[in-house]
Amino acid sequence: MAEGDTLIVTETQDGVCLTPYTPELDSAMSAFEITRKKYRNALKKLAK
């Protein structure tokens, strides 16, 4: 990390997670959002 870098803050059960922003992470998060919406019901059942 360096001054001026961007962090992504994610809330977890244990507190918060700080992750450096990268274009690859942005792409992966976009793909996850699409998948999460598409398989919402299946993911809910798996979480039980």
Protein backbone atom coordinates (compact mmCIF):
# COMPACT_ATOMS: atom_id res chain seq x y z
CA MET A 1 0.00 0.00 0.00
CA ALA A 2 1.10 3.50 -0.76
CA GLU A 3 -0.31 6.94 -0.19
CA GLY A 4 -3.14 7.57 -2.63
CA ASP A 5 -4.04 3.89 -3.10
CA THR A 6 -7.73 2.99 -2.90
CA LEU A 7 -9.08 0.53 -0.34
CA ILE A 8 -12.31 -1.43 -0.41
CA VAL A 9 -13.92 -1.85 3.02
CA THR A 10 -15.99 -4.99 3.52
CA GLU A 11 -17.96 -5.69 6.70
CA THR A 12 -17.47 -9.23 8.06
CA GLN A 13 -18.71 -11.14 11.10
CA ASP A 14 -15.42 -10.36 12.84
CA GLY A 15 -15.28 -6.66 11.95
CA VAL A 16 -14.04 -5.18 8.70
CA CYS A 17 -11.73 -6.34 5.92
CA LEU A 18 -9.58 -3.82 4.04
CA THR A 19 -8.63 -4.85 0.50
CA PRO A 20 -6.53 -2.85 -1.95
CA TYR A 21 -8.49 -1.92 -5.09
CA THR A 22 -7.30 -3.44 -8.37
CA PRO A 23 -9.02 -3.58 -11.77
CA GLU A 24 -8.94 -7.40 -11.49
CA LEU A 25 -10.83 -7.24 -8.20
CA ASP A 26 -13.40 -4.92 -9.74
CA SER A 27 -13.93 -7.38 -12.60
CA ALA A 28 -14.23 -10.33 -10.20
CA MET A 29 -16.75 -8.46 -8.01
CA SER A 30 -18.87 -7.62 -11.05
CA ALA A 31 -18.89 -11.28 -12.08
CA PHE A 32 -19.82 -12.29 -8.53
CA GLU A 33 -22.76 -9.87 -8.45
CA ILE A 34 -24.13 -11.32 -11.70
CA THR A 35 -23.70 -14.88 -10.41
CA ARG A 36 -25.21 -14.02 -7.02
CA LYS A 37 -28.34 -12.63 -8.65
CA LYS A 38 -28.67 -15.54 -11.07
CA TYR A 39 -28.26 -18.26 -8.40
CA ARG A 40 -29.82 -16.40 -5.46
CA ASN A 41 -32.17 -19.23 -4.44
CA ALA A 42 -29.51 -21.94 -4.70
CA LEU A 43 -27.05 -19.89 -2.65
CA LYS A 44 -29.73 -19.32 0.01
CA LYS A 45 -30.34 -23.06 0.32
CA LEU A 46 -26.62 -23.81 0.48
CA ALA A 47 -26.22 -21.26 3.28
CA LYS A 48 -28.62 -23.18 5.55
